Amino acid sequence: MKMFVCIKRVPDTSEADVKIDQTGKNVDSSRFSFGINDADNYAVEEAVLIKERRGGEIKFLCIGPKDSDVVIRMSLAKGGESAVRIEDPRINQKDPLQVAKVLAAAIKKEQFDLVMTGCMSGDDSNMSVGVALAEELGVSHAAMVKSVEIMDGKIRVRRELEGGLSEVVEMFLPAVITIQTGINVPRYAPVRGIREAQKKELKVLKLEDLGLAETEVSEAGSRVELLNLYIPVVASIAEIILGTPEEKAEIMAVKMVKGGLL
């Protein structure tokens, strides 16, 4: 089985002081630490588990600068055979449809059975790239996948829906699935694997290598325009109502009547 896993290097903003940069369209990342996107890490683990059960080959695919090599090598250390990093400043990474077009161009050059991505990225949270990638490749897809079963020529997945519901989907291969966090427990890369990962193939490609024109994936050709970013103002207008339960109920009823809610 030939698998592609799309991964992304993202900033860790969990404990950082997030500030908008001077352009008003991006976040100042100068003080951030970076790592693999959380959902992508689960996709990496799922691919390795499939390989351990059924055999096969895993190739990682990443759009990003050279600093992304650390994330790619750590993924290779867990069980991948090779990787491709696409680095080209002309790519508009703010548009998920254009990102999907770039990834698809790299994947189409080879035979594949299964493509996996994380269900969303921790920086943009669009949840669109994986689904758009399936459309670009012309194959079936399932999003927010929580379990995977590979059969002969088919794949059966359980995907998460709203309200605690789940859906079981069966598709012919090749297919694209986006992996939800919690589907497995991502492993740590072993020391031996980290050493071996340094010797594995990591190709760096540009648009010309993919056969794409700049107009197809640049900001000028995008249907999506980022107007501005801003940090919402945190405000609290909560009022604590004191008294007995009866008094509280009366006060709340009066407020609701005056507010036009009753």
C-alpha atoms as a PDB file:
ATOM      1  CA  MET A   1       0.000   0.000   0.000  1.00  0.00           C
ATOM      2  CA  LYS A   2       1.362   3.400  -1.033  1.00  0.00           C
ATOM      3  CA  MET A   3       0.404   6.173   1.392  1.00  0.00           C
ATOM      4  CA  PHE A   4       0.942   9.912   1.365  1.00  0.00           C
ATOM      5  CA  VAL A   5       0.671  11.862   4.617  1.00  0.00           C
ATOM      6  CA  CYS A   6       0.429  15.647   4.386  1.00  0.00           C
ATOM      7  CA  ILE A   7       1.959  17.428   7.360  1.00  0.00           C
ATOM      8  CA  LYS A   8       2.425  21.044   8.360  1.00  0.00           C
ATOM      9  CA  ARG A   9       4.787  22.986  10.628  1.00  0.00           C
ATOM     10  CA  VAL A  10       2.723  25.304  12.837  1.00  0.00           C
ATOM     11  CA  PRO A  11       3.430  27.681  15.751  1.00  0.00           C
ATOM     12  CA  ASP A  12       2.632  26.723  19.316  1.00  0.00           C
ATOM     13  CA  THR A  13       0.424  29.529  20.611  1.00  0.00           C
ATOM     14  CA  SER A  14      -0.808  27.754  23.749  1.00  0.00           C
ATOM     15  CA  GLU A  15       1.308  29.880  26.107  1.00  0.00           C
ATOM     16  CA  ALA A  16       2.447  32.645  23.761  1.00  0.00           C
ATOM     17  CA  ASP A  17       1.496  36.282  23.691  1.00  0.00           C
ATOM     18  CA  VAL A  18      -0.154  36.506  20.268  1.00  0.00           C
ATOM     19  CA  LYS A  19       0.282  39.829  18.467  1.00  0.00           C
ATOM     20  CA  ILE A  20      -0.703  41.004  15.007  1.00  0.00           C
ATOM     21  CA  ASP A  21       2.221  42.110  12.817  1.00  0.00           C
ATOM     22  CA  GLN A  22       2.545  45.460  11.050  1.00  0.00           C
ATOM     23  CA  THR A  23       0.708  44.281   7.921  1.00  0.00           C
ATOM     24  CA  GLY A  24      -2.445  43.549   9.927  1.00  0.00           C
ATOM     25  CA  LYS A  25      -2.797  40.304   7.970  1.00  0.00           C
ATOM     26  CA  ASN A  26      -0.505  37.981   9.875  1.00  0.00           C
ATOM     27  CA  VAL A  27       0.641  37.064  13.352  1.00  0.00           C
ATOM     28  CA  ASP A  28       4.053  38.067  14.647  1.00  0.00           C
ATOM     29  CA  SER A  29       5.698  34.652  14.981  1.00  0.00           C
ATOM     30  CA  SER A  30       9.164  35.849  16.013  1.00  0.00           C
ATOM     31  CA  ARG A  31       8.746  34.546  19.564  1.00  0.00           C
ATOM     32  CA  PHE A  32       6.874  31.318  18.766  1.00  0.00           C
ATOM     33  CA  SER A  33       8.173  27.788  18.983  1.00  0.00           C
ATOM     34  CA  PHE A  34       7.128  25.496  16.124  1.00  0.00           C
ATOM     35  CA  GLY A  35       6.252  21.841  15.731  1.00  0.00           C
ATOM     36  CA  ILE A  36       4.101  19.432  13.769  1.00  0.00           C
ATOM     37  CA  ASN A  37       0.409  20.252  13.528  1.00  0.00           C
ATOM     38  CA  ASP A  38      -1.431  18.265  16.207  1.00  0.00           C
ATOM     39  CA  ALA A  39      -3.954  16.522  13.944  1.00  0.00           C
ATOM     40  CA  ASP A  40      -1.215  15.749  11.404  1.00  0.00           C
ATOM     41  CA  ASN A  41       0.713  13.936  14.122  1.00  0.00           C
ATOM     42  CA  TYR A  42      -2.228  11.544  14.512  1.00  0.00           C
ATOM     43  CA  ALA A  43      -2.293  11.061  10.724  1.00  0.00           C
ATOM     44  CA  VAL A  44       1.402  10.124  10.821  1.00  0.00           C
ATOM     45  CA  GLU A  45       0.740   7.543  13.531  1.00  0.00           C
ATOM     46  CA  GLU A  46      -2.250   6.079  11.683  1.00  0.00           C
ATOM     47  CA  ALA A  47      -0.179   5.613   8.541  1.00  0.00           C
ATOM     48  CA  VAL A  48       2.556   3.847  10.516  1.00  0.00           C
ATOM     49  CA  LEU A  49      -0.024   1.568  12.160  1.00  0.00           C
ATOM     50  CA  ILE A  50      -1.462   0.639   8.756  1.00  0.00           C
ATOM     51  CA  LYS A  51       2.039  -0.070   7.467  1.00  0.00           C
ATOM     52  CA  GLU A  52       2.780  -2.297  10.474  1.00  0.00           C
ATOM     53  CA  ARG A  53      -0.431  -4.285   9.911  1.00  0.00           C
ATOM     54  CA  ARG A  54      -0.442  -4.567   6.123  1.00  0.00           C
ATOM     55  CA  GLY A  55       2.957  -3.410   4.904  1.00  0.00           C
ATOM     56  CA  GLY A  56       3.478  -0.645   2.405  1.00  0.00           C
ATOM     57  CA  GLU A  57       5.282   2.642   1.908  1.00  0.00           C
ATOM     58  CA  ILE A  58       4.768   6.070   3.486  1.00  0.00           C
ATOM     59  CA  LYS A  59       5.785   9.348   1.873  1.00  0.00           C
ATOM     60  CA  PHE A  60       5.404  12.636   3.736  1.00  0.00           C
ATOM     61  CA  LEU A  61       4.458  15.826   1.953  1.00  0.00           C
ATOM     62  CA  CYS A  62       4.919  19.319   3.373  1.00  0.00           C
ATOM     63  CA  ILE A  63       4.675  22.888   2.100  1.00  0.00           C
ATOM     64  CA  GLY A  64       7.033  25.148   4.020  1.00  0.00           C
ATOM     65  CA  PRO A  65      10.494  26.632   4.550  1.00  0.00           C
ATOM     66  CA  LYS A  66      13.669  24.715   5.339  1.00  0.00           C
ATOM     67  CA  ASP A  67      12.846  24.956   9.049  1.00  0.00           C
ATOM     68  CA  SER A  68      10.093  22.410   8.313  1.00  0.00           C
ATOM     69  CA  ASP A  69      12.773  19.755   7.784  1.00  0.00           C
ATOM     70  CA  VAL A  70      12.863  19.095  11.536  1.00  0.00           C
ATOM     71  CA  VAL A  71       9.169  18.166  11.538  1.00  0.00           C
ATOM     72  CA  ILE A  72       9.604  16.075   8.392  1.00  0.00           C
ATOM     73  CA  ARG A  73      12.633  14.174   9.725  1.00  0.00           C
ATOM     74  CA  MET A  74      10.868  13.401  13.010  1.00  0.00           C
ATOM     75  CA  SER A  75       7.945  11.972  11.023  1.00  0.00           C
ATOM     76  CA  LEU A  76      10.328   9.908   8.895  1.00  0.00           C
ATOM     77  CA  ALA A  77      11.902   8.593  12.079  1.00  0.00           C
ATOM     78  CA  LYS A  78       8.595   6.989  13.042  1.00  0.00           C
ATOM     79  CA  GLY A  79       8.428   4.828   9.947  1.00  0.00           C
ATOM     80  CA  GLY A  80       8.288   6.733   6.650  1.00  0.00           C
ATOM     81  CA  GLU A  81      10.444   5.973   3.627  1.00  0.00           C
ATOM     82  CA  SER A  82      10.794   9.379   1.973  1.00  0.00           C
ATOM     83  CA  ALA A  83       9.448  12.918   1.912  1.00  0.00           C
ATOM     84  CA  VAL A  84       8.852  15.912  -0.330  1.00  0.00           C
ATOM     85  CA  ARG A  85       8.994  19.522   0.821  1.00  0.00           C
ATOM     86  CA  ILE A  86       7.565  22.192  -1.437  1.00  0.00           C
ATOM     87  CA  GLU A  87       9.148  25.599  -0.906  1.00  0.00           C
ATOM     88  CA  ASP A  88       8.138  28.480  -3.137  1.00  0.00           C
ATOM     89  CA  PRO A  89       7.256  32.025  -1.982  1.00  0.00           C
ATOM     90  CA  ARG A  90       4.764  32.310  -4.851  1.00  0.00           C
ATOM     91  CA  ILE A  91       2.406  29.815  -3.188  1.00  0.00           C
ATOM     92  CA  ASN A  92      -0.484  31.501  -1.400  1.00  0.00           C
ATOM     93  CA  GLN A  93      -0.812  29.391   1.731  1.00  0.00           C
ATOM     94  CA  LYS A  94      -3.741  31.463   3.022  1.00  0.00           C
ATOM     95  CA  ASP A  95      -6.042  29.899   0.413  1.00  0.00           C
ATOM     96  CA  PRO A  96      -6.815  26.238   1.241  1.00  0.00           C
ATOM     97  CA  LEU A  97      -7.956  25.547  -2.334  1.00  0.00           C
ATOM     98  CA  GLN A  98      -4.621  26.661  -3.726  1.00  0.00           C
ATOM     99  CA  VAL A  99      -2.759  24.674  -1.080  1.00  0.00           C
ATOM    100  CA  ALA A 100      -4.745  21.602  -2.123  1.00  0.00           C
ATOM    101  CA  LYS A 101      -3.839  22.224  -5.775  1.00  0.00           C
ATOM    102  CA  VAL A 102      -0.135  22.290  -4.903  1.00  0.00           C
ATOM    103  CA  LEU A 103      -0.320  19.104  -2.824  1.00  0.00           C
ATOM    104  CA  ALA A 104      -2.325  17.338  -5.531  1.00  0.00           C
ATOM    105  CA  ALA A 105       0.240  18.256  -8.171  1.00  0.00           C
ATOM    106  CA  ALA A 106       2.943  16.517  -6.129  1.00  0.00           C
ATOM    107  CA  ILE A 107       0.822  13.427  -5.433  1.00  0.00           C
ATOM    108  CA  LYS A 108      -0.383  12.992  -9.029  1.00  0.00           C
ATOM    109  CA  LYS A 109       3.165  12.326 -10.153  1.00  0.00           C
ATOM    110  CA  GLU A 110       3.041   8.937  -8.406  1.00  0.00           C
ATOM    111  CA  GLN A 111       0.703   6.027  -7.812  1.00  0.00           C
ATOM    112  CA  PHE A 112      -1.079   6.081  -4.448  1.00  0.00           C
ATOM    113  CA  ASP A 113      -3.679   4.140  -2.505  1.00  0.00           C
ATOM    114  CA  LEU A 114      -4.374   6.412   0.435  1.00  0.00           C
ATOM    115  CA  VAL A 115      -3.743  10.059   1.287  1.00  0.00           C
ATOM    116  CA  MET A 116      -4.081  11.266   4.865  1.00  0.00           C
ATOM    117  CA  THR A 117      -4.119  14.753   6.339  1.00  0.00           C
ATOM    118  CA  GLY A 118      -5.010  16.127   9.743  1.00  0.00           C
ATOM    119  CA  CYS A 119      -8.627  17.247  10.032  1.00  0.00           C
ATOM    120  CA  MET A 120      -7.499  20.851  10.536  1.00  0.00           C
ATOM    121  CA  SER A 121      -4.403  22.950  11.111  1.00  0.00           C
ATOM    122  CA  GLY A 122      -3.734  24.613  14.437  1.00  0.00           C
ATOM    123  CA  ASP A 123      -2.998  27.989  12.858  1.00  0.00           C
ATOM    124  CA  ASP A 124      -5.729  28.516  10.233  1.00  0.00           C
ATOM    125  CA  SER A 125      -8.329  25.884  11.281  1.00  0.00           C
ATOM    126  CA  ASN A 126     -10.013  25.969   7.860  1.00  0.00           C
ATOM    127  CA  MET A 127     -10.716  22.205   7.741  1.00  0.00           C
ATOM    128  CA  SER A 128     -10.773  22.553   3.940  1.00  0.00           C
ATOM    129  CA  VAL A 129      -7.460  21.337   2.535  1.00  0.00           C
ATOM    130  CA  GLY A 130      -8.076  17.590   2.850  1.00  0.00           C
ATOM    131  CA  VAL A 131     -11.531  17.750   1.269  1.00  0.00           C
ATOM    132  CA  ALA A 132     -10.309  20.038  -1.539  1.00  0.00           C
ATOM    133  CA  LEU A 133      -7.343  17.718  -2.095  1.00  0.00           C
ATOM    134  CA  ALA A 134      -9.694  14.791  -2.743  1.00  0.00           C
ATOM    135  CA  GLU A 135     -11.532  16.891  -5.335  1.00  0.00           C
ATOM    136  CA  GLU A 136      -8.266  17.823  -7.042  1.00  0.00           C
ATOM    137  CA  LEU A 137      -7.229  14.159  -7.148  1.00  0.00           C
ATOM    138  CA  GLY A 138     -10.671  13.013  -8.296  1.00  0.00           C
ATOM    139  CA  VAL A 139     -11.092  10.404  -5.545  1.00  0.00           C
ATOM    140  CA  SER A 140     -13.514   9.738  -2.697  1.00  0.00           C
ATOM    141  CA  HIS A 141     -12.947  11.227   0.736  1.00  0.00           C
ATOM    142  CA  ALA A 142     -14.067  11.108   4.352  1.00  0.00           C
ATOM    143  CA  ALA A 143     -13.426  13.834   6.922  1.00  0.00           C
ATOM    144  CA  MET A 144     -13.011  13.800  10.719  1.00  0.00           C
ATOM    145  CA  VAL A 145     -12.081  10.100  10.722  1.00  0.00           C
ATOM    146  CA  LYS A 146     -11.888   8.339  14.108  1.00  0.00           C
ATOM    147  CA  SER A 147     -11.108   4.756  13.016  1.00  0.00           C
ATOM    148  CA  VAL A 148      -9.730   3.090   9.894  1.00  0.00           C
ATOM    149  CA  GLU A 149     -10.075  -0.440   8.524  1.00  0.00           C
ATOM    150  CA  ILE A 150      -8.259  -1.379   5.313  1.00  0.00           C
ATOM    151  CA  MET A 151      -9.820  -4.106   3.160  1.00  0.00           C
ATOM    152  CA  ASP A 152      -8.981  -5.473  -0.277  1.00  0.00           C
ATOM    153  CA  GLY A 153      -9.396  -2.490  -2.573  1.00  0.00           C
ATOM    154  CA  LYS A 154     -11.570  -0.680  -0.045  1.00  0.00           C
ATOM    155  CA  ILE A 155     -11.394   1.318   3.165  1.00  0.00           C
ATOM    156  CA  ARG A 156     -13.990   1.493   5.925  1.00  0.00           C
ATOM    157  CA  VAL A 157     -13.857   4.451   8.293  1.00  0.00           C
ATOM    158  CA  ARG A 158     -15.872   5.809  11.185  1.00  0.00           C
ATOM    159  CA  ARG A 159     -16.168   9.555  11.057  1.00  0.00           C
ATOM    160  CA  GLU A 160     -17.250  11.983  13.761  1.00  0.00           C
ATOM    161  CA  LEU A 161     -20.411  14.022  13.239  1.00  0.00           C
ATOM    162  CA  GLU A 162     -22.011  16.769  15.283  1.00  0.00           C
ATOM    163  CA  GLY A 163     -23.933  16.058  18.476  1.00  0.00           C
ATOM    164  CA  GLY A 164     -21.974  12.947  19.415  1.00  0.00           C
ATOM    165  CA  LEU A 165     -23.078  11.013  16.319  1.00  0.00           C
ATOM    166  CA  SER A 166     -20.815   8.839  14.166  1.00  0.00           C
ATOM    167  CA  GLU A 167     -21.052   7.647  10.580  1.00  0.00           C
ATOM    168  CA  VAL A 168     -19.499   4.547   9.015  1.00  0.00           C
ATOM    169  CA  VAL A 169     -18.353   5.061   5.424  1.00  0.00           C
ATOM    170  CA  GLU A 170     -16.963   2.481   2.988  1.00  0.00           C
ATOM    171  CA  MET A 171     -15.022   3.691  -0.059  1.00  0.00           C
ATOM    172  CA  PHE A 172     -13.004   2.233  -2.883  1.00  0.00           C
ATOM    173  CA  LEU A 173      -9.300   3.007  -2.937  1.00  0.00           C
ATOM    174  CA  PRO A 174      -7.594   5.300  -3.762  1.00  0.00           C
ATOM    175  CA  ALA A 175      -9.117   7.763  -1.314  1.00  0.00           C
ATOM    176  CA  VAL A 176      -8.353  10.749   0.908  1.00  0.00           C
ATOM    177  CA  ILE A 177      -9.178  10.857   4.621  1.00  0.00           C
ATOM    178  CA  THR A 178      -8.693  13.617   7.188  1.00  0.00           C
ATOM    179  CA  ILE A 179      -7.761  12.340  10.625  1.00  0.00           C
ATOM    180  CA  GLN A 180      -9.361  13.543  13.847  1.00  0.00           C
ATOM    181  CA  THR A 181      -7.282  13.833  17.016  1.00  0.00           C
ATOM    182  CA  GLY A 182      -7.738  10.969  19.467  1.00  0.00           C
ATOM    183  CA  ILE A 183      -7.871   8.242  16.807  1.00  0.00           C
ATOM    184  CA  ASN A 184      -4.679   6.735  18.272  1.00  0.00           C
ATOM    185  CA  VAL A 185      -1.777   7.516  20.584  1.00  0.00           C
ATOM    186  CA  PRO A 186       1.110   9.060  18.605  1.00  0.00           C
ATOM    187  CA  ARG A 187       4.444   7.449  19.400  1.00  0.00           C
ATOM    188  CA  TYR A 188       7.739   9.154  20.137  1.00  0.00           C
ATOM    189  CA  ALA A 189      10.408   8.823  17.480  1.00  0.00           C
ATOM    190  CA  PRO A 190      13.057   6.307  18.620  1.00  0.00           C
ATOM    191  CA  VAL A 191      16.680   7.434  18.766  1.00  0.00           C
ATOM    192  CA  ARG A 192      17.668   4.872  16.135  1.00  0.00           C
ATOM    193  CA  GLY A 193      14.855   6.061  13.887  1.00  0.00           C
ATOM    194  CA  ILE A 194      15.995   9.673  14.245  1.00  0.00           C
ATOM    195  CA  ARG A 195      19.513   8.719  13.126  1.00  0.00           C
ATOM    196  CA  GLU A 196      18.184   6.724  10.166  1.00  0.00           C
ATOM    197  CA  ALA A 197      15.806   9.538   9.168  1.00  0.00           C
ATOM    198  CA  GLN A 198      18.780  11.795   8.410  1.00  0.00           C
ATOM    199  CA  LYS A 199      19.713   9.463   5.535  1.00  0.00           C
ATOM    200  CA  LYS A 200      16.247   9.168   3.999  1.00  0.00           C
ATOM    201  CA  GLU A 201      15.308  10.987   0.816  1.00  0.00           C
ATOM    202  CA  LEU A 202      13.827  14.474   1.216  1.00  0.00           C
ATOM    203  CA  LYS A 203      13.211  16.210  -2.106  1.00  0.00           C
ATOM    204  CA  VAL A 204      12.676  19.969  -2.289  1.00  0.00           C
ATOM    205  CA  LEU A 205      10.416  21.079  -5.152  1.00  0.00           C
ATOM    206  CA  LYS A 206       9.252  24.369  -6.666  1.00  0.00           C
ATOM    207  CA  LEU A 207       6.252  25.210  -8.828  1.00  0.00           C
ATOM    208  CA  GLU A 208       8.155  24.415 -12.024  1.00  0.00           C
ATOM    209  CA  ASP A 209       8.866  20.908 -10.727  1.00  0.00           C
ATOM    210  CA  LEU A 210       5.135  20.416 -10.172  1.00  0.00           C
ATOM    211  CA  GLY A 211       4.087  21.754 -13.544  1.00  0.00           C
ATOM    212  CA  LEU A 212       2.066  24.578 -12.001  1.00  0.00           C
ATOM    213  CA  ALA A 213       1.864  28.158 -13.202  1.00  0.00           C
ATOM    214  CA  GLU A 214       2.246  30.962 -10.685  1.00  0.00           C
ATOM    215  CA  THR A 215      -1.200  32.309 -11.629  1.00  0.00           C
ATOM    216  CA  GLU A 216      -2.805  29.069 -10.416  1.00  0.00           C
ATOM    217  CA  VAL A 217      -1.550  29.255  -6.855  1.00  0.00           C
ATOM    218  CA  SER A 218      -0.515  32.852  -6.170  1.00  0.00           C
ATOM    219  CA  GLU A 219      -2.410  35.395  -4.112  1.00  0.00           C
ATOM    220  CA  ALA A 220      -3.305  37.320  -7.281  1.00  0.00           C
ATOM    221  CA  GLY A 221      -5.194  34.301  -8.612  1.00  0.00           C
ATOM    222  CA  SER A 222      -6.997  33.479  -5.390  1.00  0.00           C
ATOM    223  CA  ARG A 223     -10.732  33.761  -4.814  1.00  0.00           C
ATOM    224  CA  VAL A 224     -10.051  34.225  -1.103  1.00  0.00           C
ATOM    225  CA  GLU A 225      -8.807  37.539   0.271  1.00  0.00           C
ATOM    226  CA  LEU A 226      -7.662  38.019   3.851  1.00  0.00           C
ATOM    227  CA  LEU A 227      -8.773  41.509   4.822  1.00  0.00           C
ATOM    228  CA  ASN A 228      -7.339  41.738   8.325  1.00  0.00           C
ATOM    229  CA  LEU A 229      -6.653  39.899  11.550  1.00  0.00           C
ATOM    230  CA  TYR A 230      -7.578  41.210  14.968  1.00  0.00           C
ATOM    231  CA  ILE A 231      -7.623  40.037  18.562  1.00  0.00           C
ATOM    232  CA  PRO A 232     -11.151  40.218  20.029  1.00  0.00           C
ATOM    233  CA  VAL A 233     -11.606  42.470  23.031  1.00  0.00           C
ATOM    234  CA  VAL A 234     -12.214  40.438  26.172  1.00  0.00           C
ATOM    235  CA  ALA A 235     -15.046  41.999  28.172  1.00  0.00           C
ATOM    236  CA  SER A 236     -17.202  40.808  31.031  1.00  0.00           C
ATOM    237  CA  ILE A 237     -20.701  42.115  31.784  1.00  0.00           C
ATOM    238  CA  ALA A 238     -21.776  39.335  34.108  1.00  0.00           C
ATOM    239  CA  GLU A 239     -23.919  40.297  37.068  1.00  0.00           C
ATOM    240  CA  ILE A 240     -24.088  38.200  40.225  1.00  0.00           C
ATOM    241  CA  ILE A 241     -27.645  38.030  41.596  1.00  0.00           C
ATOM    242  CA  LEU A 242     -27.835  37.549  45.358  1.00  0.00           C
ATOM    243  CA  GLY A 243     -30.718  36.515  47.578  1.00  0.00           C
ATOM    244  CA  THR A 244     -32.975  33.546  48.174  1.00  0.00           C
ATOM    245  CA  PRO A 245     -33.994  31.352  45.226  1.00  0.00           C
ATOM    246  CA  GLU A 246     -37.370  33.111  45.119  1.00  0.00           C
ATOM    247  CA  GLU A 247     -35.769  36.565  45.149  1.00  0.00           C
ATOM    248  CA  LYS A 248     -33.291  35.565  42.440  1.00  0.00           C
ATOM    249  CA  ALA A 249     -36.094  34.191  40.278  1.00  0.00           C
ATOM    250  CA  GLU A 250     -38.109  37.406  40.634  1.00  0.00           C
ATOM    251  CA  ILE A 251     -35.120  39.606  39.778  1.00  0.00           C
ATOM    252  CA  MET A 252     -34.286  37.458  36.737  1.00  0.00           C
ATOM    253  CA  ALA A 253     -37.895  37.508  35.544  1.00  0.00           C
ATOM    254  CA  VAL A 254     -38.029  41.316  35.756  1.00  0.00           C
ATOM    255  CA  LYS A 255     -34.767  41.652  33.843  1.00  0.00           C
ATOM    256  CA  MET A 256     -35.956  39.261  31.142  1.00  0.00           C
ATOM    257  CA  VAL A 257     -39.254  41.141  30.748  1.00  0.00           C
ATOM    258  CA  LYS A 258     -37.457  44.494  30.502  1.00  0.00           C
ATOM    259  CA  GLY A 259     -35.008  43.012  28.056  1.00  0.00           C
ATOM    260  CA  GLY A 260     -37.816  41.800  25.810  1.00  0.00           C
ATOM    261  CA  LEU A 261     -36.997  38.154  26.335  1.00  0.00           C
ATOM    262  CA  LEU A 262     -40.392  37.294  27.813  1.00  0.00           C
END
